[in-house]
C-alpha atoms as a PDB file:
ATOM      1  CA  UNK A   1     -18.847  -4.724  -2.134  1.00  0.00           C
ATOM      2  CA  UNK A   2     -21.429  -6.306   0.149  1.00  0.00           C
ATOM      3  CA  UNK A   3     -22.753  -3.087   1.682  1.00  0.00           C
ATOM      4  CA  UNK A   4     -23.179  -1.381  -1.678  1.00  0.00           C
ATOM      5  CA  UNK A   5     -24.711  -4.501  -3.200  1.00  0.00           C
ATOM      6  CA  UNK A   6     -27.317  -4.600  -0.427  1.00  0.00           C
ATOM      7  CA  UNK A   7     -28.204  -0.948  -0.061  1.00  0.00           C
ATOM      8  CA  UNK A   8     -26.865   0.929  -3.075  1.00  0.00           C
ATOM      9  CA  UNK A   9     -25.200   4.303  -2.649  1.00  0.00           C
ATOM     10  CA  UNK A  10     -27.771   6.921  -1.626  1.00  0.00           C
ATOM     11  CA  UNK A  11     -26.610  10.531  -1.600  1.00  0.00           C
ATOM     12  CA  UNK A  12     -27.239  10.634   2.157  1.00  0.00           C
ATOM     13  CA  UNK A  13     -24.293   8.258   2.597  1.00  0.00           C
ATOM     14  CA  UNK A  14     -22.013  11.287   2.410  1.00  0.00           C
ATOM     15  CA  UNK A  15     -22.957  12.085   6.025  1.00  0.00           C
ATOM     16  CA  UNK A  16     -21.144   9.046   7.401  1.00  0.00           C
ATOM     17  CA  UNK A  17     -18.384   9.238   4.809  1.00  0.00           C
ATOM     18  CA  UNK A  18     -17.444  12.758   5.879  1.00  0.00           C
ATOM     19  CA  UNK A  19     -17.062  11.484   9.419  1.00  0.00           C
ATOM     20  CA  UNK A  20     -14.707   8.762   8.161  1.00  0.00           C
ATOM     21  CA  UNK A  21     -12.193  11.451   7.139  1.00  0.00           C
ATOM     22  CA  UNK A  22     -12.031  13.108  10.555  1.00  0.00           C
ATOM     23  CA  UNK A  23      -8.844  11.386  11.687  1.00  0.00           C
ATOM     24  CA  UNK A  24      -6.682  11.787   8.563  1.00  0.00           C
ATOM     25  CA  UNK A  25      -7.830  15.401   8.086  1.00  0.00           C
ATOM     26  CA  UNK A  26      -7.601  16.421  11.755  1.00  0.00           C
ATOM     27  CA  UNK A  27      -4.570  18.694  11.244  1.00  0.00           C
ATOM     28  CA  UNK A  28      -5.654  20.368   7.999  1.00  0.00           C
ATOM     29  CA  UNK A  29      -5.502  24.156   8.077  1.00  0.00           C
ATOM     30  CA  UNK A  30      -7.067  26.717   5.710  1.00  0.00           C
ATOM     31  CA  UNK A  31      -3.745  27.576   4.063  1.00  0.00           C
ATOM     32  CA  UNK A  32      -2.916  23.975   3.091  1.00  0.00           C
ATOM     33  CA  UNK A  33      -2.904  23.325  -0.662  1.00  0.00           C
ATOM     34  CA  UNK A  34      -4.453  19.874  -0.875  1.00  0.00           C
ATOM     35  CA  UNK A  35      -4.965  18.069  -4.168  1.00  0.00           C
ATOM     36  CA  UNK A  36      -7.367  15.159  -4.652  1.00  0.00           C
ATOM     37  CA  UNK A  37      -6.210  12.853  -7.444  1.00  0.00           C
ATOM     38  CA  UNK A  38      -8.958  10.679  -8.895  1.00  0.00           C
ATOM     39  CA  UNK A  39     -10.095   9.023 -12.114  1.00  0.00           C
ATOM     40  CA  UNK A  40     -13.268   8.386 -14.047  1.00  0.00           C
ATOM     41  CA  UNK A  41     -13.721   4.906 -12.572  1.00  0.00           C
ATOM     42  CA  UNK A  42     -13.609   5.906  -8.888  1.00  0.00           C
ATOM     43  CA  UNK A  43     -16.840   6.009  -6.887  1.00  0.00           C
ATOM     44  CA  UNK A  44     -17.690   9.754  -6.885  1.00  0.00           C
ATOM     45  CA  UNK A  45     -19.006   9.484  -3.333  1.00  0.00           C
ATOM     46  CA  UNK A  46     -15.481   8.687  -2.128  1.00  0.00           C
ATOM     47  CA  UNK A  47     -13.702  11.722  -3.568  1.00  0.00           C
ATOM     48  CA  UNK A  48     -16.702  14.001  -3.017  1.00  0.00           C
ATOM     49  CA  UNK A  49     -16.831  13.107   0.680  1.00  0.00           C
ATOM     50  CA  UNK A  50     -13.096  13.805   0.983  1.00  0.00           C
ATOM     51  CA  UNK A  51     -13.545  17.180  -0.692  1.00  0.00           C
ATOM     52  CA  UNK A  52     -16.517  18.023   1.531  1.00  0.00           C
ATOM     53  CA  UNK A  53     -14.588  17.072   4.688  1.00  0.00           C
ATOM     54  CA  UNK A  54     -11.624  19.204   3.601  1.00  0.00           C
ATOM     55  CA  UNK A  55     -13.917  22.109   2.793  1.00  0.00           C
ATOM     56  CA  UNK A  56     -15.388  21.806   6.274  1.00  0.00           C
ATOM     57  CA  UNK A  57     -11.867  22.241   7.673  1.00  0.00           C
ATOM     58  CA  UNK A  58     -11.713  25.622   5.945  1.00  0.00           C
ATOM     59  CA  UNK A  59      -9.231  24.754   3.212  1.00  0.00           C
ATOM     60  CA  UNK A  60      -9.835  25.099  -0.532  1.00  0.00           C
ATOM     61  CA  UNK A  61      -9.113  21.659  -2.054  1.00  0.00           C
ATOM     62  CA  UNK A  62      -8.730  20.946  -5.754  1.00  0.00           C
ATOM     63  CA  UNK A  63      -9.829  17.807  -7.605  1.00  0.00           C
ATOM     64  CA  UNK A  64      -7.950  16.628 -10.689  1.00  0.00           C
ATOM     65  CA  UNK A  65      -9.514  13.761 -12.636  1.00  0.00           C
ATOM     66  CA  UNK A  66      -7.866  11.652 -15.299  1.00  0.00           C
ATOM     67  CA  UNK A  67      -9.005   8.668 -17.309  1.00  0.00           C
ATOM     68  CA  UNK A  68      -8.351   5.429 -15.446  1.00  0.00           C
ATOM     69  CA  UNK A  69      -4.826   4.173 -16.060  1.00  0.00           C
ATOM     70  CA  UNK A  70      -4.529   0.795 -17.748  1.00  0.00           C
ATOM     71  CA  UNK A  71      -2.344  -0.714 -15.029  1.00  0.00           C
ATOM     72  CA  UNK A  72      -1.057  -0.019 -11.529  1.00  0.00           C
ATOM     73  CA  UNK A  73       1.996   2.285 -11.441  1.00  0.00           C
ATOM     74  CA  UNK A  74       1.247   3.676 -14.900  1.00  0.00           C
ATOM     75  CA  UNK A  75       2.225   7.322 -15.233  1.00  0.00           C
ATOM     76  CA  UNK A  76      -0.403   9.906 -14.291  1.00  0.00           C
ATOM     77  CA  UNK A  77      -1.403  12.205 -17.118  1.00  0.00           C
ATOM     78  CA  UNK A  78       0.199  15.602 -17.647  1.00  0.00           C
ATOM     79  CA  UNK A  79      -2.546  17.422 -15.741  1.00  0.00           C
ATOM     80  CA  UNK A  80      -2.031  15.447 -12.552  1.00  0.00           C
ATOM     81  CA  UNK A  81       1.748  15.793 -12.765  1.00  0.00           C
ATOM     82  CA  UNK A  82       1.457  19.553 -13.291  1.00  0.00           C
ATOM     83  CA  UNK A  83      -0.918  19.942 -10.337  1.00  0.00           C
ATOM     84  CA  UNK A  84       1.262  17.830  -8.032  1.00  0.00           C
ATOM     85  CA  UNK A  85       4.057  20.395  -8.448  1.00  0.00           C
ATOM     86  CA  UNK A  86       1.933  23.051  -6.757  1.00  0.00           C
ATOM     87  CA  UNK A  87       0.388  20.995  -3.952  1.00  0.00           C
ATOM     88  CA  UNK A  88       1.392  20.578  -0.322  1.00  0.00           C
ATOM     89  CA  UNK A  89      -0.340  17.210  -0.065  1.00  0.00           C
ATOM     90  CA  UNK A  90      -1.931  14.895  -2.646  1.00  0.00           C
ATOM     91  CA  UNK A  91      -4.599  12.287  -1.899  1.00  0.00           C
ATOM     92  CA  UNK A  92      -4.408   9.394  -4.345  1.00  0.00           C
ATOM     93  CA  UNK A  93      -8.096   8.455  -4.524  1.00  0.00           C
ATOM     94  CA  UNK A  94      -7.627   6.513  -7.745  1.00  0.00           C
ATOM     95  CA  UNK A  95      -8.617   3.046  -8.908  1.00  0.00           C
ATOM     96  CA  UNK A  96      -5.015   2.223  -9.849  1.00  0.00           C
ATOM     97  CA  UNK A  97      -1.934   2.778  -7.725  1.00  0.00           C
ATOM     98  CA  UNK A  98       0.281   5.831  -8.069  1.00  0.00           C
ATOM     99  CA  UNK A  99       3.587   5.657  -6.214  1.00  0.00           C
ATOM    100  CA  UNK A 100       7.307   6.237  -6.482  1.00  0.00           C
ATOM    101  CA  UNK A 101       7.597   3.630  -9.223  1.00  0.00           C
ATOM    102  CA  UNK A 102       5.876   5.940 -11.710  1.00  0.00           C
ATOM    103  CA  UNK A 103       8.504   7.503 -14.013  1.00  0.00           C
ATOM    104  CA  UNK A 104       6.711  10.859 -13.888  1.00  0.00           C
ATOM    105  CA  UNK A 105       6.831  10.991 -10.082  1.00  0.00           C
ATOM    106  CA  UNK A 106      10.465   9.925 -10.061  1.00  0.00           C
ATOM    107  CA  UNK A 107      11.244  12.782 -12.455  1.00  0.00           C
ATOM    108  CA  UNK A 108       9.395  15.296 -10.255  1.00  0.00           C
ATOM    109  CA  UNK A 109      11.310  14.211  -7.190  1.00  0.00           C
ATOM    110  CA  UNK A 110      14.603  14.348  -9.068  1.00  0.00           C
ATOM    111  CA  UNK A 111      13.699  17.924  -9.996  1.00  0.00           C
ATOM    112  CA  UNK A 112      13.155  18.814  -6.338  1.00  0.00           C
ATOM    113  CA  UNK A 113       9.357  18.660  -6.013  1.00  0.00           C
ATOM    114  CA  UNK A 114       8.532  16.983  -2.704  1.00  0.00           C
ATOM    115  CA  UNK A 115       4.750  17.022  -2.316  1.00  0.00           C
ATOM    116  CA  UNK A 116       3.566  13.943  -0.433  1.00  0.00           C
ATOM    117  CA  UNK A 117       1.299  11.581  -2.378  1.00  0.00           C
ATOM    118  CA  UNK A 118      -0.913   9.670   0.058  1.00  0.00           C
ATOM    119  CA  UNK A 119      -1.595   6.150  -1.174  1.00  0.00           C
ATOM    120  CA  UNK A 120      -5.357   5.597  -1.035  1.00  0.00           C
ATOM    121  CA  UNK A 121      -6.031   3.785  -4.293  1.00  0.00           C
ATOM    122  CA  UNK A 122      -8.948   1.337  -4.478  1.00  0.00           C
ATOM    123  CA  UNK A 123     -10.648   3.040  -1.532  1.00  0.00           C
ATOM    124  CA  UNK A 124     -14.330   2.169  -1.305  1.00  0.00           C
ATOM    125  CA  UNK A 125     -17.201   3.214   0.904  1.00  0.00           C
ATOM    126  CA  UNK A 126     -17.006  -0.138   2.651  1.00  0.00           C
ATOM    127  CA  UNK A 127     -13.297   0.262   3.403  1.00  0.00           C
ATOM    128  CA  UNK A 128     -13.952   3.684   4.946  1.00  0.00           C
ATOM    129  CA  UNK A 129     -17.100   2.858   6.891  1.00  0.00           C
ATOM    130  CA  UNK A 130     -16.886  -0.833   7.787  1.00  0.00           C
ATOM    131  CA  UNK A 131     -13.196  -1.686   7.426  1.00  0.00           C
ATOM    132  CA  UNK A 132      -9.718  -0.414   8.167  1.00  0.00           C
ATOM    133  CA  UNK A 133     -10.607   3.196   7.337  1.00  0.00           C
ATOM    134  CA  UNK A 134     -12.654   3.567  10.522  1.00  0.00           C
ATOM    135  CA  UNK A 135      -9.561   3.386  12.735  1.00  0.00           C
ATOM    136  CA  UNK A 136      -9.368   5.787  15.670  1.00  0.00           C
ATOM    137  CA  UNK A 137      -6.318   7.355  17.265  1.00  0.00           C
ATOM    138  CA  UNK A 138      -6.108   4.514  19.772  1.00  0.00           C
ATOM    139  CA  UNK A 139      -6.135   1.996  16.919  1.00  0.00           C
ATOM    140  CA  UNK A 140      -3.369   3.903  15.129  1.00  0.00           C
ATOM    141  CA  UNK A 141      -1.177   4.022  18.231  1.00  0.00           C
ATOM    142  CA  UNK A 142      -1.619   0.274  18.679  1.00  0.00           C
ATOM    143  CA  UNK A 143      -0.531  -0.299  15.070  1.00  0.00           C
ATOM    144  CA  UNK A 144       2.501   1.955  15.532  1.00  0.00           C
ATOM    145  CA  UNK A 145       3.556  -0.010  18.611  1.00  0.00           C
ATOM    146  CA  UNK A 146       3.211  -3.347  16.796  1.00  0.00           C
ATOM    147  CA  UNK A 147       5.244  -1.967  13.906  1.00  0.00           C
ATOM    148  CA  UNK A 148       7.960  -0.716  16.243  1.00  0.00           C
ATOM    149  CA  UNK A 149       8.365  -4.174  17.752  1.00  0.00           C
ATOM    150  CA  UNK A 150       8.501  -5.865  14.357  1.00  0.00           C
ATOM    151  CA  UNK A 151      10.910  -3.212  13.075  1.00  0.00           C
ATOM    152  CA  UNK A 152      13.220  -3.836  16.018  1.00  0.00           C
ATOM    153  CA  UNK A 153      13.397  -7.534  15.091  1.00  0.00           C
ATOM    154  CA  UNK A 154      14.166  -6.604  11.485  1.00  0.00           C
ATOM    155  CA  UNK A 155      16.868  -4.118  12.519  1.00  0.00           C
ATOM    156  CA  UNK A 156      18.656  -6.789  14.549  1.00  0.00           C
ATOM    157  CA  UNK A 157      18.286  -9.514  11.932  1.00  0.00           C
ATOM    158  CA  UNK A 158      20.152 -10.588   8.833  1.00  0.00           C
ATOM    159  CA  UNK A 159      17.924 -13.180   7.161  1.00  0.00           C
ATOM    160  CA  UNK A 160      14.174 -13.535   6.877  1.00  0.00           C
ATOM    161  CA  UNK A 161      12.072 -16.602   6.149  1.00  0.00           C
ATOM    162  CA  UNK A 162       8.454 -16.416   4.966  1.00  0.00           C
ATOM    163  CA  UNK A 163       6.151 -19.432   5.273  1.00  0.00           C
ATOM    164  CA  UNK A 164       2.432 -20.016   4.740  1.00  0.00           C
ATOM    165  CA  UNK A 165       0.086 -22.983   4.787  1.00  0.00           C
ATOM    166  CA  UNK A 166      -0.712 -22.304   1.138  1.00  0.00           C
ATOM    167  CA  UNK A 167       2.878 -23.092   0.132  1.00  0.00           C
ATOM    168  CA  UNK A 168       5.044 -20.018   0.658  1.00  0.00           C
ATOM    169  CA  UNK A 169       8.603 -20.831   1.729  1.00  0.00           C
ATOM    170  CA  UNK A 170      11.144 -18.142   0.935  1.00  0.00           C
ATOM    171  CA  UNK A 171      14.402 -16.841   2.379  1.00  0.00           C
ATOM    172  CA  UNK A 172      16.065 -13.478   1.755  1.00  0.00           C
ATOM    173  CA  UNK A 173      18.776 -11.169   3.083  1.00  0.00           C
ATOM    174  CA  UNK A 174      17.391  -8.078   4.862  1.00  0.00           C
ATOM    175  CA  UNK A 175      20.656  -6.344   5.831  1.00  0.00           C
ATOM    176  CA  UNK A 176      21.828  -2.885   4.777  1.00  0.00           C
ATOM    177  CA  UNK A 177      18.452  -1.175   4.771  1.00  0.00           C
ATOM    178  CA  UNK A 178      18.890   2.608   4.385  1.00  0.00           C
ATOM    179  CA  UNK A 179      16.936   3.359   7.570  1.00  0.00           C
ATOM    180  CA  UNK A 180      15.950   1.912  10.932  1.00  0.00           C
ATOM    181  CA  UNK A 181      12.742  -0.073  10.500  1.00  0.00           C
ATOM    182  CA  UNK A 182      11.725   0.476  14.122  1.00  0.00           C
ATOM    183  CA  UNK A 183      12.100   4.237  13.804  1.00  0.00           C
ATOM    184  CA  UNK A 184      10.393   4.552  10.432  1.00  0.00           C
ATOM    185  CA  UNK A 185       7.416   2.256  10.947  1.00  0.00           C
ATOM    186  CA  UNK A 186       6.995   2.611  14.706  1.00  0.00           C
ATOM    187  CA  UNK A 187       7.684   6.323  15.011  1.00  0.00           C
ATOM    188  CA  UNK A 188       5.816   8.049  17.825  1.00  0.00           C
ATOM    189  CA  UNK A 189       4.309  10.725  15.571  1.00  0.00           C
ATOM    190  CA  UNK A 190       1.026   9.761  13.967  1.00  0.00           C
ATOM    191  CA  UNK A 191       0.303   9.818  10.238  1.00  0.00           C
ATOM    192  CA  UNK A 192      -0.947  13.109   8.783  1.00  0.00           C
ATOM    193  CA  UNK A 193       0.781  15.089  11.526  1.00  0.00           C
ATOM    194  CA  UNK A 194       2.573  18.406  11.137  1.00  0.00           C
ATOM    195  CA  UNK A 195       6.326  18.644  11.125  1.00  0.00           C
ATOM    196  CA  UNK A 196       7.174  20.562  14.319  1.00  0.00           C
ATOM    197  CA  UNK A 197      10.156  22.266  12.628  1.00  0.00           C
ATOM    198  CA  UNK A 198       8.638  23.223   9.262  1.00  0.00           C
ATOM    199  CA  UNK A 199       4.942  23.219  10.121  1.00  0.00           C
ATOM    200  CA  UNK A 200       4.305  21.270   6.927  1.00  0.00           C
ATOM    201  CA  UNK A 201       1.402  18.815   6.881  1.00  0.00           C
ATOM    202  CA  UNK A 202       2.751  15.309   6.644  1.00  0.00           C
ATOM    203  CA  UNK A 203       1.333  12.438   4.647  1.00  0.00           C
ATOM    204  CA  UNK A 204       0.399   8.841   5.266  1.00  0.00           C
ATOM    205  CA  UNK A 205      -1.576   5.995   3.782  1.00  0.00           C
ATOM    206  CA  UNK A 206      -5.235   5.308   4.457  1.00  0.00           C
ATOM    207  CA  UNK A 207      -6.239   2.861   5.768  1.00  0.00           C
ATOM    208  CA  UNK A 208      -3.141   2.821   7.949  1.00  0.00           C
ATOM    209  CA  UNK A 209      -1.287  -0.251   9.107  1.00  0.00           C
ATOM    210  CA  UNK A 210       1.741  -2.044   7.663  1.00  0.00           C
ATOM    211  CA  UNK A 211       5.468  -2.478   8.091  1.00  0.00           C
ATOM    212  CA  UNK A 212       7.566  -3.600   5.193  1.00  0.00           C
ATOM    213  CA  UNK A 213      11.102  -4.737   4.634  1.00  0.00           C
ATOM    214  CA  UNK A 214      12.665  -4.872   1.182  1.00  0.00           C
ATOM    215  CA  UNK A 215      14.755  -7.936   0.323  1.00  0.00           C
ATOM    216  CA  UNK A 216      18.324  -7.277  -0.673  1.00  0.00           C
ATOM    217  CA  UNK A 217      18.460  -7.649  -4.466  1.00  0.00           C
ATOM    218  CA  UNK A 218      19.529 -11.070  -5.797  1.00  0.00           C
ATOM    219  CA  UNK A 219      19.088 -12.837  -2.423  1.00  0.00           C
ATOM    220  CA  UNK A 220      15.481 -14.082  -2.395  1.00  0.00           C
ATOM    221  CA  UNK A 221      15.169 -17.819  -2.980  1.00  0.00           C
ATOM    222  CA  UNK A 222      12.156 -20.121  -2.696  1.00  0.00           C
ATOM    223  CA  UNK A 223       8.431 -19.824  -3.351  1.00  0.00           C
ATOM    224  CA  UNK A 224       5.848 -17.135  -2.673  1.00  0.00           C
ATOM    225  CA  UNK A 225       2.197 -18.126  -2.966  1.00  0.00           C
ATOM    226  CA  UNK A 226      -0.309 -15.348  -3.504  1.00  0.00           C
ATOM    227  CA  UNK A 227      -3.441 -17.028  -2.173  1.00  0.00           C
ATOM    228  CA  UNK A 228      -5.962 -14.185  -1.835  1.00  0.00           C
ATOM    229  CA  UNK A 229      -5.705 -11.488  -4.506  1.00  0.00           C
ATOM    230  CA  UNK A 230      -3.246  -9.131  -6.213  1.00  0.00           C
ATOM    231  CA  UNK A 231      -3.189  -5.842  -8.063  1.00  0.00           C
ATOM    232  CA  UNK A 232      -4.091  -7.967 -11.071  1.00  0.00           C
ATOM    233  CA  UNK A 233      -6.348  -9.794 -11.637  1.00  0.00           C
ATOM    234  CA  UNK A 234      -8.540  -7.973  -9.096  1.00  0.00           C
ATOM    235  CA  UNK A 235     -11.160  -9.571  -6.874  1.00  0.00           C
ATOM    236  CA  UNK A 236     -11.135 -12.613  -4.590  1.00  0.00           C
ATOM    237  CA  UNK A 237      -9.174 -15.389  -6.284  1.00  0.00           C
ATOM    238  CA  UNK A 238     -10.357 -18.960  -6.738  1.00  0.00           C
ATOM    239  CA  UNK A 239      -6.857 -20.279  -7.452  1.00  0.00           C
ATOM    240  CA  UNK A 240      -3.527 -19.413  -5.854  1.00  0.00           C
ATOM    241  CA  UNK A 241      -0.502 -18.233  -7.826  1.00  0.00           C
ATOM    242  CA  UNK A 242       2.959 -19.583  -6.985  1.00  0.00           C
ATOM    243  CA  UNK A 243       6.027 -17.483  -7.770  1.00  0.00           C
ATOM    244  CA  UNK A 244       9.328 -19.363  -7.802  1.00  0.00           C
ATOM    245  CA  UNK A 245      12.312 -17.112  -7.088  1.00  0.00           C
ATOM    246  CA  UNK A 246      15.966 -17.857  -7.674  1.00  0.00           C
ATOM    247  CA  UNK A 247      18.658 -15.380  -6.659  1.00  0.00           C
ATOM    248  CA  UNK A 248      16.125 -12.580  -6.486  1.00  0.00           C
ATOM    249  CA  UNK A 249      14.405 -13.234  -9.800  1.00  0.00           C
ATOM    250  CA  UNK A 250      11.001 -14.769 -10.536  1.00  0.00           C
ATOM    251  CA  UNK A 251      11.734 -17.745 -12.771  1.00  0.00           C
ATOM    252  CA  UNK A 252       8.224 -19.187 -12.977  1.00  0.00           C
ATOM    253  CA  UNK A 253       4.605 -18.227 -12.298  1.00  0.00           C
ATOM    254  CA  UNK A 254       2.354 -21.234 -11.789  1.00  0.00           C
ATOM    255  CA  UNK A 255      -1.275 -21.928 -10.955  1.00  0.00           C
ATOM    256  CA  UNK A 256      -4.684 -21.779 -12.612  1.00  0.00           C
ATOM    257  CA  UNK A 257      -6.402 -19.038 -14.563  1.00  0.00           C
ATOM    258  CA  UNK A 258      -5.144 -16.327 -12.243  1.00  0.00           C
ATOM    259  CA  UNK A 259      -1.536 -17.333 -13.001  1.00  0.00           C
ATOM    260  CA  UNK A 260      -2.271 -17.014 -16.725  1.00  0.00           C
ATOM    261  CA  UNK A 261      -3.542 -13.486 -16.087  1.00  0.00           C
ATOM    262  CA  UNK A 262      -0.534 -12.538 -13.957  1.00  0.00           C
ATOM    263  CA  UNK A 263       1.849 -13.713 -16.691  1.00  0.00           C
ATOM    264  CA  UNK A 264      -0.094 -11.742 -19.302  1.00  0.00           C
ATOM    265  CA  UNK A 265      -0.082  -8.625 -17.110  1.00  0.00           C
ATOM    266  CA  UNK A 266       3.670  -8.773 -16.532  1.00  0.00           C
ATOM    267  CA  UNK A 267       4.399  -9.472 -20.211  1.00  0.00           C
ATOM    268  CA  UNK A 268       2.094  -6.676 -21.349  1.00  0.00           C
ATOM    269  CA  UNK A 269       3.071  -3.877 -18.956  1.00  0.00           C
ATOM    270  CA  UNK A 270       6.333  -4.919 -17.313  1.00  0.00           C
ATOM    271  CA  UNK A 271       9.984  -4.648 -18.303  1.00  0.00           C
ATOM    272  CA  UNK A 272      13.178  -6.594 -17.675  1.00  0.00           C
ATOM    273  CA  UNK A 273      13.211  -5.599 -13.983  1.00  0.00           C
ATOM    274  CA  UNK A 274       9.575  -6.363 -13.150  1.00  0.00           C
ATOM    275  CA  UNK A 275      10.436  -9.977 -12.311  1.00  0.00           C
ATOM    276  CA  UNK A 276      13.209  -8.931  -9.913  1.00  0.00           C
ATOM    277  CA  UNK A 277      12.441  -9.084  -6.199  1.00  0.00           C
ATOM    278  CA  UNK A 278      12.642  -5.441  -5.306  1.00  0.00           C
ATOM    279  CA  UNK A 279       9.140  -4.586  -4.159  1.00  0.00           C
ATOM    280  CA  UNK A 280       8.523  -5.268  -0.515  1.00  0.00           C
ATOM    281  CA  UNK A 281       7.541  -7.853   2.070  1.00  0.00           C
ATOM    282  CA  UNK A 282       4.923  -6.114   4.222  1.00  0.00           C
ATOM    283  CA  UNK A 283       2.800  -7.482   7.040  1.00  0.00           C
ATOM    284  CA  UNK A 284      -0.481  -5.762   7.852  1.00  0.00           C
ATOM    285  CA  UNK A 285      -1.211  -4.473  11.360  1.00  0.00           C
ATOM    286  CA  UNK A 286      -4.781  -3.132  11.033  1.00  0.00           C
ATOM    287  CA  UNK A 287      -7.216  -5.339  12.947  1.00  0.00           C
ATOM    288  CA  UNK A 288     -10.222  -3.500  11.483  1.00  0.00           C
ATOM    289  CA  UNK A 289      -9.383  -4.310   7.863  1.00  0.00           C
ATOM    290  CA  UNK A 290     -11.823  -6.955   6.635  1.00  0.00           C
ATOM    291  CA  UNK A 291     -10.766 -10.142   4.827  1.00  0.00           C
ATOM    292  CA  UNK A 292     -11.945 -11.281   1.411  1.00  0.00           C
ATOM    293  CA  UNK A 293     -12.780  -7.877  -0.040  1.00  0.00           C
ATOM    294  CA  UNK A 294     -10.555  -8.615  -3.019  1.00  0.00           C
ATOM    295  CA  UNK A 295      -9.069  -5.106  -2.778  1.00  0.00           C
ATOM    296  CA  UNK A 296      -5.350  -4.630  -2.321  1.00  0.00           C
ATOM    297  CA  UNK A 297      -5.940  -1.359  -0.452  1.00  0.00           C
ATOM    298  CA  UNK A 298      -7.735  -3.315   2.274  1.00  0.00           C
ATOM    299  CA  UNK A 299      -6.037  -6.723   2.152  1.00  0.00           C
ATOM    300  CA  UNK A 300      -2.499  -5.300   2.353  1.00  0.00           C
ATOM    301  CA  UNK A 301      -3.306  -3.580   5.661  1.00  0.00           C
ATOM    302  CA  UNK A 302      -5.131  -6.536   7.188  1.00  0.00           C
ATOM    303  CA  UNK A 303      -3.616  -7.822  10.433  1.00  0.00           C
ATOM    304  CA  UNK A 304      -1.385 -10.841   9.799  1.00  0.00           C
ATOM    305  CA  UNK A 305      -1.656 -10.763   6.006  1.00  0.00           C
ATOM    306  CA  UNK A 306       1.367  -9.984   3.846  1.00  0.00           C
ATOM    307  CA  UNK A 307       1.679  -8.279   0.511  1.00  0.00           C
ATOM    308  CA  UNK A 308       4.748  -9.443  -1.341  1.00  0.00           C
ATOM    309  CA  UNK A 309       5.811  -7.257  -4.251  1.00  0.00           C
ATOM    310  CA  UNK A 310       7.976  -7.829  -7.288  1.00  0.00           C
ATOM    311  CA  UNK A 311       9.545  -5.121  -9.399  1.00  0.00           C
ATOM    312  CA  UNK A 312      10.303  -1.567  -8.297  1.00  0.00           C
ATOM    313  CA  UNK A 313      11.826  -1.226  -4.833  1.00  0.00           C
ATOM    314  CA  UNK A 314      11.191   2.195  -3.329  1.00  0.00           C
ATOM    315  CA  UNK A 315      13.331   1.782  -0.204  1.00  0.00           C
ATOM    316  CA  UNK A 316      16.702   0.605  -1.459  1.00  0.00           C
ATOM    317  CA  UNK A 317      16.363   2.394  -4.812  1.00  0.00           C
ATOM    318  CA  UNK A 318      18.280  -0.376  -6.590  1.00  0.00           C
ATOM    319  CA  UNK A 319      15.565  -2.241  -8.484  1.00  0.00           C
ATOM    320  CA  UNK A 320      13.675   0.143 -10.765  1.00  0.00           C
ATOM    321  CA  UNK A 321      10.955  -1.091 -13.072  1.00  0.00           C
ATOM    322  CA  UNK A 322       7.952   0.373 -14.862  1.00  0.00           C
ATOM    323  CA  UNK A 323       5.639  -2.026 -13.033  1.00  0.00           C
ATOM    324  CA  UNK A 324       5.467  -3.227  -9.459  1.00  0.00           C
ATOM    325  CA  UNK A 325       3.042  -6.058  -8.860  1.00  0.00           C
ATOM    326  CA  UNK A 326       1.895  -6.957  -5.351  1.00  0.00           C
ATOM    327  CA  UNK A 327      -0.082  -9.966  -4.199  1.00  0.00           C
ATOM    328  CA  UNK A 328      -1.424 -11.182  -0.864  1.00  0.00           C
ATOM    329  CA  UNK A 329      -0.363 -14.058   1.381  1.00  0.00           C
ATOM    330  CA  UNK A 330      -3.473 -14.399   3.541  1.00  0.00           C
ATOM    331  CA  UNK A 331      -1.811 -15.495   6.793  1.00  0.00           C
ATOM    332  CA  UNK A 332       1.971 -15.360   6.976  1.00  0.00           C
ATOM    333  CA  UNK A 333       4.631 -16.828   9.248  1.00  0.00           C
ATOM    334  CA  UNK A 334       7.778 -14.685   9.548  1.00  0.00           C
ATOM    335  CA  UNK A 335      11.005 -15.905  11.138  1.00  0.00           C
ATOM    336  CA  UNK A 336      14.131 -13.762  11.455  1.00  0.00           C
ATOM    337  CA  UNK A 337      17.544 -15.461  11.677  1.00  0.00           C
ATOM    338  CA  UNK A 338      15.836 -18.834  12.257  1.00  0.00           C
ATOM    339  CA  UNK A 339      15.108 -18.069  15.904  1.00  0.00           C
ATOM    340  CA  UNK A 340      12.894 -14.966  16.190  1.00  0.00           C
ATOM    341  CA  UNK A 341       9.289 -15.788  15.282  1.00  0.00           C
ATOM    342  CA  UNK A 342       7.754 -12.451  14.331  1.00  0.00           C
ATOM    343  CA  UNK A 343       4.423 -13.919  13.240  1.00  0.00           C
ATOM    344  CA  UNK A 344       2.891 -17.393  13.171  1.00  0.00           C
ATOM    345  CA  UNK A 345       0.047 -18.163  10.741  1.00  0.00           C
ATOM    346  CA  UNK A 346      -1.104 -14.547  10.734  1.00  0.00           C
ATOM    347  CA  UNK A 347      -0.732 -13.896  14.475  1.00  0.00           C
ATOM    348  CA  UNK A 348       1.955 -11.346  15.372  1.00  0.00           C
ATOM    349  CA  UNK A 349       4.043 -12.618  18.300  1.00  0.00           C
ATOM    350  CA  UNK A 350       6.735 -10.011  19.004  1.00  0.00           C
END
């Protein structure tokens, strides 16, 4: 990252990094059992600053470190899974994603363990200090309001069309979602708040800022062009990757060297459902998230950008795969039912 490349990472940097955690940790209490999940490739200053900020709140956090997983959504090791069972809240400060697509997490939830895992993978010092991670309460409330308006358009709509100047042109059915998009993504309560009934500390993602809709399986048709980056290969791309979808399945992956790498990644770590269009279509709402970092954690929250995922679909629970792969459309146009323009070339209009 540019800041680290220029100045390195002096130990004194922890002063500002601790401040960066003030908003997400604002409701932490001494009795909360908070688990920091990390791996041997993560910048130690990131997880150490989180632990220091939690310690300052009076709680007694625990860090569990595993070897870096080979691919995003790979199962955590036995130690992380065992610790998650005992935690109230887990912070996923890992270099690869851990989410509901992981078989181990699915098994825990099926067994009744409900600890929240906060998605924070690929977090860097620059994301926390110079990017979307420096959001204030006012910024969060603005994002929630944007998401409520977009969610209302999704709730009233039946079909969605995605377009981009780089070549995306896709249509899909968005009916029969298991929840109200406006209520879920635009809810008045802020992330990391306490449940007023149970008193339990709630989770969130950090940086904050997205609203997604999952296409109905077998209905997505057209082309999605990832023109910025993806979970793999990481970094800022030189060549775009075009995914052609027919009846909800990716039938071809085309482009330059990045497309070769995407095909290898899917063949190596995916299964028969990885090329199904479960995943999600999510537009970012965080105006502080910087472009061209080449990090999914930042790019997927960036205002007007979209991450389009293939494989596991967490919302509908119909498409289940061992791998979910997400890539970025840098500036998306979204039209619902051919007459409601939600966003135009990365500018949100509703």
